[in-house]
Protein backbone atom coordinates (compact mmCIF):
# COMPACT_ATOMS: atom_id res chain seq x y z
CA MET A 1 83.24 -48.98 -36.77
CA ALA A 2 81.57 -46.61 -39.01
CA LYS A 3 78.02 -45.42 -38.19
CA ARG A 4 75.25 -46.47 -40.75
CA LYS A 5 73.54 -43.24 -42.05
CA ASN A 6 69.69 -42.43 -41.87
CA LYS A 7 69.30 -42.42 -45.69
CA LYS A 8 65.99 -41.37 -45.01
CA GLY A 9 66.51 -38.36 -42.32
CA TRP A 10 64.34 -36.60 -40.64
CA LEU A 11 61.80 -35.51 -43.01
CA PHE A 12 61.33 -39.98 -43.44
CA PHE A 13 59.83 -39.64 -39.48
CA GLY A 14 57.44 -42.12 -38.52
CA ALA A 15 57.39 -43.68 -42.66
CA GLY A 16 57.95 -46.76 -41.37
CA LYS A 17 54.79 -46.69 -39.22
CA LYS A 18 51.90 -49.47 -40.30
CA LYS A 19 49.62 -48.27 -42.94
CA ARG A 20 45.59 -48.36 -41.97
CA THR A 21 43.55 -50.40 -43.65
CA LYS A 22 40.40 -49.63 -45.26
CA ALA A 23 38.17 -50.14 -42.32
CA GLN A 24 40.59 -48.12 -40.00
CA LYS A 25 40.54 -45.42 -41.96
CA LYS A 26 36.30 -45.73 -42.37
CA GLN A 27 36.32 -46.24 -38.66
CA ARG A 28 38.17 -42.70 -38.05
CA SER A 29 36.23 -40.80 -40.16
CA GLN A 30 32.79 -41.99 -38.90
CA ALA A 31 34.30 -40.89 -35.11
CA ILE A 32 35.10 -37.66 -36.71
CA LYS A 33 31.49 -37.56 -38.09
CA THR A 34 30.32 -38.29 -34.74
CA THR A 35 32.62 -35.66 -32.61
CA THR A 36 31.87 -32.95 -35.14
CA TRP A 37 27.85 -33.26 -34.18
CA ILE A 38 27.97 -33.85 -30.65
CA PHE A 39 30.35 -30.54 -30.81
CA THR A 40 27.73 -28.84 -33.44
CA PHE A 41 25.01 -29.81 -30.94
CA LEU A 42 26.64 -28.54 -27.73
CA VAL A 43 27.09 -25.02 -29.71
CA LEU A 44 24.02 -25.13 -30.92
CA ALA A 45 22.60 -25.91 -26.88
CA VAL A 46 23.99 -23.22 -25.63
CA GLY A 47 23.42 -20.78 -28.35
CA VAL A 48 19.49 -21.63 -27.65
CA ALA A 49 19.83 -21.40 -23.61
CA VAL A 50 21.98 -18.56 -23.92
CA GLY A 51 19.04 -16.74 -26.83
CA PHE A 52 16.50 -17.87 -23.78
CA ILE A 53 18.71 -16.00 -21.26
CA PHE A 54 18.67 -12.61 -23.50
CA PHE A 55 14.54 -13.08 -24.34
CA ASP A 56 13.35 -13.61 -20.95
CA ARG A 57 15.66 -10.34 -19.73
CA TYR A 58 14.44 -8.57 -22.92
CA VAL A 59 10.78 -9.53 -21.89
CA LYS A 60 10.87 -8.88 -18.32
CA ASN A 61 12.91 -5.64 -18.94
CA GLU A 62 9.88 -4.72 -21.67
CA LEU A 63 7.13 -5.92 -19.89
CA LYS A 64 8.57 -4.73 -15.87
CA ASP A 65 6.30 -1.45 -16.59
CA PRO A 66 3.72 -1.76 -19.06
CA THR A 67 2.40 1.60 -18.52
CA GLN A 68 5.54 2.89 -20.35
CA LYS A 69 3.49 2.23 -23.07
CA LEU A 70 -0.11 1.67 -21.98
CA GLN A 71 0.28 4.99 -20.67
CA LEU A 72 -2.22 5.08 -17.71
CA GLU A 73 -3.80 8.29 -16.89
CA LEU A 74 -5.02 8.72 -13.39
CA VAL A 75 -7.53 12.04 -13.33
CA ASP A 76 -8.65 14.29 -10.32
CA LEU A 77 -6.10 12.65 -7.52
CA PRO A 78 -6.89 13.82 -4.20
CA GLY A 79 -3.49 15.86 -2.82
CA TRP A 80 -3.17 14.00 -0.22
CA LEU A 81 -2.53 10.43 -1.96
CA GLY A 82 0.92 9.86 -2.02
CA LYS A 83 3.47 8.53 -4.66
CA GLU A 84 3.79 5.23 -3.05
CA LEU A 85 -0.22 4.80 -3.10
CA GLU A 86 -0.51 5.86 -6.63
CA ALA A 87 1.91 3.67 -7.87
CA GLU A 88 0.48 0.63 -5.98
CA ILE A 89 -2.76 1.73 -7.77
CA VAL A 90 -1.13 1.63 -11.31
CA SER A 91 0.55 -1.55 -10.45
CA ASN A 92 -3.03 -3.18 -9.92
CA ALA A 93 -4.50 -1.76 -12.84
CA VAL A 94 -2.22 -3.34 -15.12
CA SER A 95 -1.51 -6.55 -13.59
CA GLY A 96 -1.60 -9.43 -15.76
CA ILE A 97 -1.62 -7.61 -19.08
CA TYR A 98 1.20 -8.60 -21.42
CA ASP A 99 -0.59 -7.81 -24.84
CA ILE A 100 0.29 -3.73 -25.03
CA ASP A 101 -2.22 -3.88 -28.34
CA SER A 102 -5.09 -5.65 -27.12
CA ASP A 103 -8.50 -3.84 -27.47
CA ALA A 104 -9.74 -5.62 -24.36
CA ILE A 105 -7.28 -3.55 -22.40
CA ALA A 106 -9.47 -1.10 -21.50
CA GLN A 107 -11.94 -3.77 -20.31
CA THR A 108 -8.67 -5.27 -18.34
CA VAL A 109 -7.89 -2.16 -16.78
CA GLY A 110 -11.45 -1.50 -15.35
CA GLU A 111 -11.31 -4.83 -13.90
CA ASN A 112 -8.66 -4.67 -11.78
CA LEU A 113 -9.14 -1.61 -10.54
CA ALA A 114 -12.51 -2.98 -9.28
CA GLU A 115 -10.70 -5.29 -7.19
CA VAL A 116 -9.13 -2.27 -5.10
CA ALA A 117 -10.20 -1.48 -2.18
CA TRP A 118 -8.70 2.41 -2.37
CA LEU A 119 -11.33 3.28 -5.35
CA ASP A 120 -14.88 3.59 -5.90
CA ASP A 121 -17.06 4.28 -9.14
CA VAL A 122 -14.56 3.41 -10.81
CA ASN A 123 -15.32 4.74 -14.94
CA ILE A 124 -12.54 3.45 -17.46
CA ARG A 125 -12.19 5.66 -20.95
CA LEU A 126 -10.02 5.14 -23.89
CA GLY A 127 -8.31 8.96 -25.15
CA THR A 128 -5.89 9.26 -27.96
CA GLU A 129 -3.19 8.39 -26.41
CA SER A 130 -3.95 6.96 -23.12
CA ILE A 131 -6.00 4.98 -20.75
CA ILE A 132 -8.45 7.39 -18.58
CA VAL A 133 -8.86 6.31 -15.28
CA ASN A 134 -11.60 8.31 -13.14
CA ALA A 135 -12.57 7.38 -9.66
CA LYS A 136 -13.83 8.33 -6.46
CA TYR A 137 -10.65 7.73 -3.73
CA ARG A 138 -11.83 6.28 -0.43
CA LYS A 139 -9.78 8.88 2.20
CA PRO A 140 -8.91 6.92 5.49
CA ILE A 141 -9.44 8.82 9.08
CA GLY A 142 -8.75 5.93 11.59
CA LEU A 143 -6.06 3.53 11.57
CA ILE A 144 -6.62 -0.17 13.63
CA ARG A 145 -3.75 -1.79 14.92
CA ALA A 146 -4.08 -5.76 14.41
CA VAL A 147 -1.37 -8.91 15.31
CA GLY A 148 1.35 -7.99 12.89
CA ARG A 149 -0.59 -6.00 10.75
CA LYS A 150 -2.30 -2.47 10.01
CA TYR A 151 -5.45 -1.51 8.51
CA TYR A 152 -7.02 1.66 7.71
CA VAL A 153 -10.52 2.17 7.64
CA ASP A 154 -12.55 5.26 6.45
CA SER A 155 -15.74 6.91 6.81
CA ASP A 156 -17.74 4.34 5.73
CA MET A 157 -15.77 2.18 7.84
CA VAL A 158 -14.50 0.15 4.31
CA LEU A 159 -11.32 -1.71 5.71
CA LEU A 160 -8.36 -0.46 3.47
CA ASP A 161 -4.93 -1.85 3.24
CA TYR A 162 -2.01 -0.19 5.11
CA VAL A 163 0.10 2.21 2.74
CA PRO A 164 2.00 4.83 4.27
CA ILE A 165 0.94 8.49 3.66
CA GLU A 166 2.45 11.49 4.98
CA ASN A 167 0.83 13.96 4.43
CA LEU A 168 -2.62 13.17 6.20
CA ALA A 169 -3.66 13.43 9.74
CA ILE A 170 -4.93 9.55 10.48
CA VAL A 171 -5.77 8.87 14.09
CA GLU A 172 -5.68 5.62 15.39
CA ILE A 173 -8.34 4.05 16.77
CA THR A 174 -8.30 1.22 20.15
CA GLY A 175 -10.92 -1.16 21.97
CA VAL A 176 -12.02 -2.44 18.96
CA PRO A 177 -11.89 -6.07 18.57
CA SER A 178 -8.84 -5.88 15.84
CA GLN A 179 -7.64 -9.89 16.42
CA VAL A 180 -10.53 -10.31 14.32
CA LEU A 181 -9.06 -8.84 11.30
CA THR A 182 -7.78 -10.55 8.68
CA TRP A 183 -6.49 -9.55 5.02
CA ARG A 184 -9.49 -11.26 3.27
CA MET A 185 -11.89 -7.98 4.95
CA ILE A 186 -10.08 -5.57 3.14
CA GLY A 187 -12.13 -3.93 1.06
CA THR A 188 -15.09 -4.73 2.89
CA GLN A 189 -17.43 -2.53 5.21
CA TRP A 190 -16.78 -3.02 9.52
CA ALA A 191 -20.05 -2.40 10.70
CA ARG A 192 -19.72 -1.89 14.26
CA ASP A 193 -21.04 0.51 16.64
CA ASP A 194 -18.14 1.78 18.59
CA LEU A 195 -16.01 1.96 15.24
CA ALA A 196 -19.01 4.49 14.31
CA ALA A 197 -19.06 5.91 17.31
CA ALA A 198 -15.55 6.93 16.51
CA LEU A 199 -15.56 7.65 12.79
CA GLU A 200 -18.54 10.10 13.80
CA LEU A 201 -15.86 11.97 16.20
CA LEU A 202 -13.01 12.41 13.92
CA LYS A 203 -15.54 13.41 10.93
CA LEU A 204 -16.65 16.00 13.27
CA ILE A 205 -13.56 17.40 14.09
CA ALA A 206 -12.23 17.07 10.58
CA GLU A 207 -14.98 18.69 9.34
CA MET A 208 -14.18 21.89 12.23
CA ASP A 209 -10.53 22.17 10.81
CA THR A 210 -11.77 22.96 7.89
CA GLU A 211 -13.98 25.84 9.21
CA LEU A 212 -11.81 27.31 11.43
CA THR A 213 -9.08 28.81 9.55
CA ASN A 214 -7.58 31.05 12.26
CA ILE A 215 -5.84 28.17 13.63
CA PRO A 216 -4.01 25.35 12.94
CA PRO A 217 -5.89 21.84 12.45
CA LEU A 218 -6.83 20.10 15.60
CA LEU A 219 -6.83 17.19 14.47
CA PRO A 220 -3.22 16.53 13.84
CA GLU A 221 -2.59 16.59 17.95
CA ILE A 222 -4.81 13.55 18.19
CA LYS A 223 -2.54 10.62 18.32
CA SER A 224 -5.69 7.97 18.89
CA ILE A 225 -9.26 7.67 19.90
CA ASP A 226 -10.29 4.74 22.66
CA VAL A 227 -13.69 3.43 22.30
CA SER A 228 -12.71 0.36 24.88
CA ASN A 229 -16.08 1.46 27.21
CA TYR A 230 -18.01 2.81 24.50
CA ASN A 231 -21.45 2.99 26.48
CA GLY A 232 -19.92 2.38 29.73
CA ARG A 233 -19.31 -1.59 29.01
CA ARG A 234 -16.12 -1.49 30.88
CA SER A 235 -17.48 0.99 33.83
CA SER A 236 -20.30 3.38 33.82
CA ARG A 237 -18.38 5.48 36.23
CA GLN A 238 -15.35 6.08 33.63
CA SER A 239 -15.69 8.49 30.38
CA HIS A 240 -16.99 6.12 27.25
CA ILE A 241 -14.84 7.88 24.96
CA VAL A 242 -11.19 9.33 25.10
CA PHE A 243 -9.35 11.23 22.77
CA TYR A 244 -5.21 10.96 23.64
CA ALA A 245 -3.20 13.23 22.45
CA ASN A 246 0.35 13.11 20.87
CA ASP A 247 2.15 13.02 24.45
CA GLY A 248 -0.57 10.85 26.11
CA THR A 249 -2.31 13.98 27.48
CA GLU A 250 -6.01 12.59 28.13
CA ILE A 251 -9.04 14.13 26.75
CA ARG A 252 -12.39 12.72 27.86
CA TRP A 253 -15.05 13.43 25.25
CA GLY A 254 -17.73 11.00 27.16
CA ALA A 255 -20.91 9.35 25.35
CA GLU A 256 -20.92 8.70 21.95
CA LYS A 257 -22.09 12.26 19.42
CA GLY A 258 -26.21 12.51 20.11
CA SER A 259 -26.24 10.70 23.25
CA TRP A 260 -24.82 13.29 25.80
CA HIS A 261 -28.57 13.72 27.49
CA LYS A 262 -28.58 10.16 28.69
CA TYR A 263 -25.53 10.92 30.91
CA LEU A 264 -26.30 14.39 32.30
CA GLU A 265 -23.20 15.12 30.21
CA ALA A 266 -22.25 18.45 28.27
CA ARG A 267 -24.45 18.85 25.08
CA ASP A 268 -21.88 17.73 22.24
CA GLU A 269 -21.46 21.64 21.49
CA GLU A 270 -19.96 22.65 24.29
CA LYS A 271 -17.71 19.76 24.41
CA LEU A 272 -16.51 20.89 21.28
CA THR A 273 -16.15 24.43 21.96
CA LEU A 274 -13.88 23.57 24.82
CA LEU A 275 -12.23 21.41 23.08
CA TYR A 276 -10.96 23.99 20.58
CA ASN A 277 -11.15 26.96 23.39
CA THR A 278 -8.73 24.96 25.11
CA TYR A 279 -6.35 24.51 21.99
CA GLU A 280 -6.50 27.94 20.77
CA GLN A 281 -5.43 29.24 24.30
CA MET A 282 -2.56 26.94 24.82
CA GLY A 283 -1.23 26.52 21.23
CA THR A 284 -1.56 22.66 21.56
CA LEU A 285 -3.19 19.50 23.48
CA ALA A 286 -0.21 18.22 24.44
CA LEU A 287 -0.33 19.56 27.97
CA LYS A 288 1.58 16.82 29.73
CA SER A 289 4.43 17.21 28.60
CA SER A 290 4.38 20.78 29.54
CA HIS A 291 3.42 19.49 32.76
CA LYS A 292 0.07 21.80 32.46
CA ALA A 293 -2.18 19.02 32.89
CA THR A 294 -2.61 15.47 32.42
CA PHE A 295 -5.97 15.52 31.29
CA ILE A 296 -9.05 17.68 29.52
CA ASP A 297 -12.75 16.80 31.06
CA LEU A 298 -15.08 18.00 28.12
CA THR A 299 -17.74 16.26 29.96
CA ARG A 300 -18.95 19.25 32.22
CA PRO A 301 -21.49 21.17 31.42
CA GLN A 302 -20.41 24.33 30.54
CA SER A 303 -22.58 26.72 28.91
CA LEU A 304 -20.81 27.79 26.06
CA SER A 305 -21.38 29.19 22.68
CA LEU A 306 -19.75 27.81 19.30
CA PRO A 307 -16.72 29.09 17.81
CA ILE A 308 -18.80 29.22 14.45
CA ASP A 309 -22.01 29.38 14.06
CA ARG A 310 -22.84 25.87 12.06
CA TYR A 311 -22.68 22.81 13.63
């Protein structure tokens, strides 16, 4: 039997499907519109999210270093001030400043720097192209170790936060109740007699180093100063104040400056002279490591003359 031919052929495939009603067409059209709206909304949402990400990155990049536009200028910086400390001061100066064009920037910078313990007598003025900061910088001369923290202290007994400073001789001070120190005390004066006695001797040596130019400075030879027996509070028979050289050599200073006569010790100028004479003769105070001595006793009267006329 001959097969019936498909008169419509493949071009008419599916032509026999049931036609949609008007209601079905309307429903399908509505579905397409809804899908289109959802797709458009999603595209816009993604676009907004991406826009916020790029905007956030832009803002962070622009404000990451406000001083690039602010042009903050620190003048008369001391030679010992390191880059890390300078960067910390600048960071504090521009803290919270986002509107570079604001007329109140100079005032804000001044208020910010007034809270920085390292600065004193801060003066802010507007230059033609920058904000100029002129201030006195507190120079640390002592280091105090507390529980999990370090503090610097300047000649006025003001506590400073610790920042590594490479080109400055800073002597550790031990024998003070450092456990009472907290970060909240930074920028305040820690007035203690034993601390004042230690700082007075460190200042004395620093001044002598400045006067004596024929030998290297002595202060870098000293690692620490111990005032735990200040005024003989632990033992009346032991030295009240003791220095320690970098190798642990003990340097017995004795009573605080100005109190030598109460304990029949050598005069302060005699102690200082013997200390510098020993340093000049030996070339170092690290005598323990070279097996030359384990201690230097400065308390015995020597009737020595000062290495310089000024004292």
